Structures are given as C-alpha cells and as structure tokens.
Amino acid sequence: MNKAIVTGASGFIGKQLINELLSRNVKIVALDIRFDDVLLQNKDITCINCKDKNPFDLQNELADLKADTFFHLAWAGTSGALRADYTVQLNNVKLACDYVSVSSKIGCKRFVYASSINEMETYEYLQSDDINPSGGYIYGTGKLAAHLMGEVVAKQNGIDFIPVIITNIYGAGEKSARLINTSIRQLLNKEHCSFTEGKQTYDFIYITDAITSIVEVADKGKAFNRYYIGSGNPKPLREFLQEMKDVVDSSAELGLGDLPFNGIDISYKQFKLKKVEEDTGYKNKISFKDGIKMTMDFIKSEQ
C-alpha cells in the first residue's frame, strides 16, 4: 500500500486510521466535510473537502492522486434521531456504492468497507417474528444494504471489496455517545448508569487493536471475505460492564435491568472470530481491563 483514500477522515476512527497508515509510510488522501489543523498541516496528507459534492464531482481530482487503497468510513447518522431517518441511511447506501464505482474509474483496486455488527442484528431480525421494530434497524439495514450492493458493484467493476464487520470500538480520544465512553464518564461523575439486564452477547475492541486489524486486512486480507473486527471473545454484556465498573469505580452500583431489552441477541457463531489472525497474523494486544483504564485516564486528563 502506497497511498490510501480515507473517507470520514476527521472522525475518531478516521484519525486513528490515518495515524497508523502514516506510521507505515502510506500517503493519505483525506475526505471529509471539515478538517482540523493537525490534518491540514501534514505534508503527507492531501485534504479534500467533500461537503455538498458527490463522489463523481471528485473523480478527476482523485484520479490524479493515484491511490491504490480506499477506506470508506464516512457514515451520517450513526447515533441519535438520524439513526432512524431512512432518507439519511439510504443516502449513505448510495454514497458507498458511488465511491466503489469511482474507485474503479480512478484505478484504485482495493476497497475496504467499514460495516457494523448492526447489519448482522438486522439480518437476524428479518428471520424473527414478534419483534418490536426500532429505529436502529433502519441504520442496520443501511449498513447491510451498502455491504451487499457495494460488493456487487465492486465485482462488476473488477475491484477487490473487503467488508470489515466492526463490533463496539472504544478508547482514548473518543468523544461520541457510545456505550463505553458515556458510561465511564458517568461513573467518574458519580452518576447512576442505567442498562438492560445485560444478558445479551456483546464484544468490544480497543481502538488501536481495531485500527491495526483493519490495516492488516487491507494489506493481506482476501477479497470478498468479511472480517470480524472484535476481541474474539464475546460474552454477556453484564460481564463487560462489571469489569468496567471495577476499574473506574468499584463502589458504584450498576443499574442492570433499569432498561428493557427489545432487540435481538445475535449469535457470534456465524463469524470466524479469529479470521484476522489467521489471514494476517495480527493478534489483539489490549485486554478489556487495560483498555478501560487507558480510556478512563484519557477522560480524566481531558477534565
């Protein structure tokens, strides 16, 4: 890999991905709607603002930059009300397919699509009866549709398509409202944390392990193979939450059972949990306990 295009470059995952690629002497073409000075002032990063532009508007500019690998991270409406907005999620699907099509036209032959464990939850929902549909399934449907459609578009255009199914990423530097980040902040502030009973199966992966796994897959992974990005040791959510609490504030009481659980408890047996290790040789390095401590220390330093 000599030069990579990264969409969603200014996000939590995008910045970490760029840092890892730069450490491997990979030149970067960063696409996003805003950039900070760290990205703008780096001579090895070409920043392209794509606000109000569709991928085909950028085609000639991208062709001149001669990238060989495309990482598609950008996705609007990952949380909040937009997660359930079908217009937003359908636009995400089209954007992913358009970028695959553009990749074929600019000579970029390897496309890494960042999907989510939510696509598998949505798939299992479709096979179940008497389920209470929630807005999150609109987001999951978008991820699933972009995966399937993007894969076909890639095959039609001679592009290597590699979907990475990302479970719950957490870590130092995160500012989102995702579960681990929010819960650590609440525990540090002595606020009550409310959860479901936590019997459903979950998995988490620290940001540096997730990013290294994705880069290794981009380099060594097999086209049209999906790669599970997680710890590889899923277990009931309540066990993760208890371990988190013990690190952050062992005296706290978790509100397990405060919230109802209306979703699907997906089966992780459908994944080859060690496929990243088998195909690339990379093994995760950060335990959940150590990852929680590093995330907590980062939040404390911020405060």
Protein backbone atom coordinates (compact mmCIF):
# COMPACT_ATOMS: atom_id res chain seq x y z
CA MET A 1 0.00 0.00 0.00
CA ASN A 2 1.49 3.32 -1.10
CA LYS A 3 -1.36 5.80 -0.99
CA ALA A 4 -4.81 5.46 0.60
CA ILE A 5 -8.06 7.38 0.39
CA VAL A 6 -9.88 7.67 3.71
CA THR A 7 -13.45 8.98 3.95
CA GLY A 8 -14.64 10.19 7.34
CA ALA A 9 -11.05 11.22 7.95
CA SER A 10 -11.77 13.64 10.81
CA GLY A 11 -13.72 11.17 12.92
CA PHE A 12 -12.48 9.15 15.90
CA ILE A 13 -11.78 6.06 13.80
CA GLY A 14 -10.62 8.03 10.75
CA LYS A 15 -7.90 9.94 12.61
CA GLN A 16 -6.60 6.79 14.26
CA LEU A 17 -6.55 5.00 10.91
CA ILE A 18 -4.62 7.84 9.30
CA ASN A 19 -2.06 7.84 12.12
CA GLU A 20 -1.49 4.11 11.68
CA LEU A 21 -1.14 4.42 7.91
CA LEU A 22 1.30 7.32 8.26
CA SER A 23 3.41 5.21 10.62
CA ARG A 24 3.70 2.73 7.74
CA ASN A 25 4.79 5.47 5.31
CA VAL A 26 1.48 5.43 3.44
CA LYS A 27 0.48 8.74 1.85
CA ILE A 28 -3.08 9.86 2.64
CA VAL A 29 -5.93 11.44 0.70
CA ALA A 30 -8.38 12.54 3.40
CA LEU A 31 -12.03 13.17 2.53
CA ASP A 32 -14.40 14.88 4.97
CA ILE A 33 -16.58 17.95 5.40
CA ARG A 34 -14.20 19.62 7.89
CA PHE A 35 -10.58 19.26 8.99
CA ASP A 36 -8.51 20.37 11.96
CA ASP A 37 -5.02 21.86 11.68
CA VAL A 38 -3.34 18.54 12.50
CA LEU A 39 -4.60 17.06 9.25
CA LEU A 40 -4.33 20.22 7.17
CA GLN A 41 -0.70 20.91 8.09
CA ASN A 42 0.66 17.41 7.49
CA LYS A 43 2.62 17.29 4.22
CA ASP A 44 1.80 13.59 3.78
CA ILE A 45 -1.96 14.24 3.81
CA THR A 46 -3.97 15.73 0.96
CA CYS A 47 -7.21 17.05 2.45
CA ILE A 48 -10.25 17.33 0.19
CA ASN A 49 -13.41 18.92 1.49
CA CYS A 50 -16.33 16.98 0.02
CA LYS A 51 -19.17 18.99 1.52
CA ASP A 52 -22.05 19.31 -0.98
CA LYS A 53 -20.10 17.23 -3.52
CA ASN A 54 -20.96 13.76 -4.71
CA PRO A 55 -18.17 11.24 -5.38
CA PHE A 56 -18.34 11.79 -9.14
CA ASP A 57 -17.61 15.50 -8.62
CA LEU A 58 -14.30 14.42 -7.09
CA GLN A 59 -13.43 11.78 -9.67
CA ASN A 60 -10.88 13.72 -11.74
CA GLU A 61 -9.16 15.14 -8.67
CA LEU A 62 -8.89 11.69 -7.08
CA ALA A 63 -7.65 10.12 -10.32
CA ASP A 64 -4.67 12.50 -10.40
CA LEU A 65 -3.66 11.42 -6.87
CA LYS A 66 -3.23 7.76 -7.87
CA ALA A 67 -4.30 5.99 -4.66
CA ASP A 68 -4.27 2.20 -4.53
CA THR A 69 -6.50 1.52 -1.49
CA PHE A 70 -9.81 3.07 -0.47
CA PHE A 71 -11.08 3.03 3.14
CA HIS A 72 -14.74 4.01 3.36
CA LEU A 73 -15.58 5.05 6.94
CA ALA A 74 -17.90 8.01 6.35
CA TRP A 75 -21.47 7.42 7.52
CA ALA A 76 -24.03 10.03 8.53
CA GLY A 77 -26.45 9.36 11.37
CA THR A 78 -24.61 6.78 13.46
CA SER A 79 -26.41 7.91 16.62
CA GLY A 80 -29.38 9.98 17.75
CA ALA A 81 -32.51 10.64 15.70
CA LEU A 82 -30.70 10.42 12.34
CA ARG A 83 -30.04 6.74 13.02
CA ALA A 84 -33.74 6.15 12.37
CA ASP A 85 -34.01 8.57 9.41
CA TYR A 86 -34.49 6.43 6.31
CA THR A 87 -33.54 9.28 3.95
CA VAL A 88 -30.18 9.73 5.68
CA GLN A 89 -29.48 5.99 5.72
CA LEU A 90 -30.48 5.48 2.10
CA ASN A 91 -28.18 8.34 1.11
CA ASN A 92 -25.39 6.52 2.98
CA VAL A 93 -26.01 3.41 0.88
CA LYS A 94 -25.83 5.35 -2.37
CA LEU A 95 -22.67 7.16 -1.24
CA ALA A 96 -20.91 3.86 -0.52
CA CYS A 97 -21.86 2.41 -3.91
CA ASP A 98 -20.84 5.62 -5.69
CA TYR A 99 -17.40 5.52 -4.05
CA VAL A 100 -16.95 1.90 -5.17
CA SER A 101 -17.83 2.95 -8.71
CA VAL A 102 -15.45 5.91 -8.56
CA SER A 103 -12.67 3.64 -7.28
CA SER A 104 -12.90 1.58 -10.44
CA LYS A 105 -12.62 4.70 -12.57
CA ILE A 106 -9.57 6.16 -10.81
CA GLY A 107 -7.53 2.94 -10.77
CA CYS A 108 -7.95 2.27 -7.04
CA LYS A 109 -8.28 -1.51 -6.93
CA ARG A 110 -8.84 -2.31 -3.24
CA PHE A 111 -11.91 -1.09 -1.33
CA VAL A 112 -12.30 -1.60 2.43
CA TYR A 113 -15.87 -1.05 3.60
CA ALA A 114 -16.42 -0.35 7.30
CA SER A 115 -19.64 -2.05 8.28
CA SER A 116 -21.12 -2.73 11.69
CA ILE A 117 -22.30 -5.60 13.85
CA ASN A 118 -25.72 -3.92 13.48
CA GLU A 119 -26.01 -5.30 9.97
CA MET A 120 -25.99 -8.83 11.40
CA GLU A 121 -28.54 -7.89 14.06
CA THR A 122 -30.78 -6.58 11.27
CA TYR A 123 -30.34 -9.77 9.28
CA GLU A 124 -31.35 -11.88 12.27
CA TYR A 125 -34.30 -9.56 12.93
CA LEU A 126 -35.63 -10.34 9.45
CA GLN A 127 -35.74 -14.03 10.36
CA SER A 128 -37.66 -13.49 13.60
CA ASP A 129 -41.31 -12.95 14.49
CA ASP A 130 -42.96 -10.83 17.17
CA ILE A 131 -40.03 -8.43 17.40
CA ASN A 132 -40.59 -4.78 18.30
CA PRO A 133 -39.01 -2.85 15.39
CA SER A 134 -36.89 0.11 16.46
CA GLY A 135 -35.19 2.94 14.60
CA GLY A 136 -31.84 1.23 14.94
CA TYR A 137 -32.91 -1.31 12.35
CA ILE A 138 -33.02 1.48 9.74
CA TYR A 139 -29.35 2.15 10.44
CA GLY A 140 -28.54 -1.57 10.39
CA THR A 141 -30.46 -2.03 7.14
CA GLY A 142 -28.42 0.75 5.57
CA LYS A 143 -25.17 -0.91 6.62
CA LEU A 144 -26.34 -4.28 5.30
CA ALA A 145 -27.58 -2.83 2.01
CA ALA A 146 -24.35 -0.89 1.40
CA HIS A 147 -22.37 -4.08 2.10
CA LEU A 148 -24.35 -6.20 -0.36
CA MET A 149 -24.78 -3.58 -3.07
CA GLY A 150 -21.23 -2.32 -2.78
CA GLU A 151 -19.90 -5.84 -3.08
CA VAL A 152 -21.83 -6.42 -6.31
CA VAL A 153 -20.77 -3.07 -7.78
CA ALA A 154 -17.17 -3.92 -6.92
CA LYS A 155 -17.39 -7.33 -8.58
CA GLN A 156 -18.91 -5.79 -11.69
CA ASN A 157 -16.05 -3.28 -11.89
CA GLY A 158 -13.10 -5.52 -11.06
CA ILE A 159 -12.49 -4.07 -7.58
CA ASP A 160 -11.33 -6.08 -4.54
CA PHE A 161 -14.05 -5.47 -1.95
CA ILE A 162 -13.28 -6.24 1.71
CA PRO A 163 -16.01 -5.66 4.31
CA VAL A 164 -14.87 -5.31 7.92
CA ILE A 165 -17.66 -6.05 10.41
CA ILE A 166 -16.82 -3.79 13.33
CA THR A 167 -18.12 -4.57 16.78
CA ASN A 168 -18.04 -2.00 19.57
CA ILE A 169 -14.90 0.15 19.34
CA TYR A 170 -13.89 2.24 22.35
CA GLY A 171 -10.76 4.00 23.52
CA ALA A 172 -8.79 7.13 24.32
CA GLY A 173 -9.77 10.05 22.12
CA GLU A 174 -13.41 9.15 21.71
CA LYS A 175 -16.00 11.91 22.08
CA SER A 176 -19.13 10.04 20.95
CA ALA A 177 -22.18 8.94 22.91
CA ARG A 178 -21.37 5.26 22.55
CA LEU A 179 -21.80 2.93 25.49
CA ILE A 180 -18.32 2.62 26.99
CA ASN A 181 -17.34 6.27 26.58
CA THR A 182 -20.62 7.51 28.06
CA SER A 183 -20.62 5.01 30.93
CA ILE A 184 -17.05 5.78 32.02
CA ARG A 185 -17.86 9.48 32.08
CA GLN A 186 -20.99 8.85 34.16
CA LEU A 187 -19.12 6.65 36.63
CA LEU A 188 -16.36 9.23 37.03
CA ASN A 189 -19.01 11.87 37.74
CA LYS A 190 -20.75 9.60 40.28
CA GLU A 191 -23.86 9.47 38.10
CA HIS A 192 -26.20 6.49 38.02
CA CYS A 193 -25.80 4.28 34.93
CA SER A 194 -28.88 2.51 33.58
CA PHE A 195 -28.61 -0.61 31.44
CA THR A 196 -30.66 -3.60 30.34
CA GLU A 197 -30.14 -6.80 32.31
CA GLY A 198 -27.09 -7.29 30.11
CA LYS A 199 -27.72 -10.92 29.27
CA GLN A 200 -27.32 -10.33 25.52
CA THR A 201 -23.96 -11.20 23.97
CA TYR A 202 -21.57 -8.34 23.27
CA ASP A 203 -17.99 -7.79 22.26
CA PHE A 204 -15.63 -4.82 22.47
CA ILE A 205 -12.29 -3.95 20.94
CA TYR A 206 -9.83 -1.21 21.86
CA ILE A 207 -9.28 1.39 19.15
CA THR A 208 -5.62 0.60 18.42
CA ASP A 209 -6.33 -3.11 18.01
CA ALA A 210 -9.29 -2.35 15.75
CA ILE A 211 -7.31 0.01 13.54
CA THR A 212 -4.31 -2.30 13.24
CA SER A 213 -6.64 -5.18 12.35
CA ILE A 214 -8.29 -3.11 9.61
CA VAL A 215 -4.96 -2.04 8.11
CA GLU A 216 -3.62 -5.60 8.19
CA VAL A 217 -6.77 -6.81 6.46
CA ALA A 218 -6.41 -4.09 3.82
CA ASP A 219 -2.86 -5.32 3.14
CA LYS A 220 -3.26 -9.08 3.45
CA GLY A 221 -6.98 -9.86 3.54
CA LYS A 222 -8.80 -11.82 0.85
CA ALA A 223 -11.18 -10.01 -1.46
CA PHE A 224 -14.88 -10.71 -0.92
CA ASN A 225 -14.18 -12.17 2.51
CA ARG A 226 -15.74 -10.48 5.52
CA TYR A 227 -13.53 -9.84 8.55
CA TYR A 228 -14.86 -9.62 12.08
CA ILE A 229 -13.17 -6.78 13.99
CA GLY A 230 -13.55 -7.53 17.70
CA SER A 231 -11.79 -9.07 20.67
CA GLY A 232 -12.76 -12.54 19.50
CA ASN A 233 -14.10 -13.37 22.97
CA PRO A 234 -17.75 -12.25 23.07
CA LYS A 235 -19.69 -12.75 26.32
CA PRO A 236 -22.76 -11.38 28.14
CA LEU A 237 -22.76 -7.58 28.28
CA ARG A 238 -23.14 -7.56 32.06
CA GLU A 239 -19.71 -9.18 32.43
CA PHE A 240 -18.07 -6.37 30.44
CA LEU A 241 -19.98 -3.75 32.43
CA GLN A 242 -18.95 -5.27 35.74
CA GLU A 243 -15.30 -5.29 34.67
CA MET A 244 -15.59 -1.66 33.55
CA LYS A 245 -17.12 -0.65 36.88
CA ASP A 246 -14.40 -2.43 38.86
CA VAL A 247 -11.75 -0.39 37.04
CA VAL A 248 -13.48 3.00 37.14
CA ASP A 249 -15.35 2.92 40.48
CA SER A 250 -15.63 -0.37 42.31
CA SER A 251 -18.09 1.15 44.82
CA ALA A 252 -20.63 2.14 42.16
CA GLU A 253 -23.88 0.26 41.65
CA LEU A 254 -24.78 -0.55 38.06
CA GLY A 255 -28.41 -0.15 37.05
CA LEU A 256 -28.63 -3.54 35.40
CA GLY A 257 -32.28 -4.16 34.48
CA ASP A 258 -33.27 -0.48 34.58
CA LEU A 259 -33.95 -0.57 30.85
CA PRO A 260 -35.92 -3.08 28.75
CA PHE A 261 -34.15 -5.06 26.05
CA ASN A 262 -36.22 -5.26 22.85
CA GLY A 263 -33.51 -6.21 20.39
CA ILE A 264 -32.02 -9.42 19.05
CA ASP A 265 -29.33 -11.36 20.86
CA ILE A 266 -27.21 -12.18 17.83
CA SER A 267 -25.23 -15.38 17.53
CA TYR A 268 -21.49 -14.82 17.20
CA LYS A 269 -21.10 -18.38 15.96
CA GLN A 270 -21.76 -17.07 12.46
CA PHE A 271 -18.38 -15.29 12.47
CA LYS A 272 -14.87 -16.62 12.08
CA LEU A 273 -13.73 -14.75 15.17
CA LYS A 274 -10.04 -15.43 14.52
CA LYS A 275 -10.06 -14.78 10.77
CA VAL A 276 -7.96 -11.59 11.06
CA GLU A 277 -5.33 -13.54 12.96
CA GLU A 278 -5.49 -16.50 10.59
CA ASP A 279 -5.17 -14.43 7.40
CA THR A 280 -2.84 -11.64 8.56
CA GLY A 281 -1.05 -12.94 11.66
CA TYR A 282 -2.15 -9.98 13.80
CA LYS A 283 -3.26 -10.71 17.39
CA ASN A 284 -5.03 -8.17 19.58
CA LYS A 285 -2.78 -6.69 22.26
CA ILE A 286 -5.06 -4.72 24.60
CA SER A 287 -7.23 -6.50 27.18
CA PHE A 288 -10.62 -5.02 28.03
CA LYS A 289 -9.41 -4.12 31.53
CA ASP A 290 -6.33 -2.30 30.19
CA GLY A 291 -8.38 -0.58 27.51
CA ILE A 292 -10.86 0.72 30.08
CA LYS A 293 -8.02 2.09 32.20
CA MET A 294 -6.44 3.89 29.24
CA THR A 295 -9.81 5.33 28.21
CA MET A 296 -10.51 6.45 31.78
CA ASP A 297 -7.08 8.09 32.06
CA PHE A 298 -7.70 9.98 28.81
CA ILE A 299 -11.08 11.26 30.05
CA LYS A 300 -9.52 12.35 33.34
CA SER A 301 -6.75 14.21 31.51
CA GLU A 302 -9.39 16.00 29.43
CA GLN A 303 -11.28 17.08 32.52
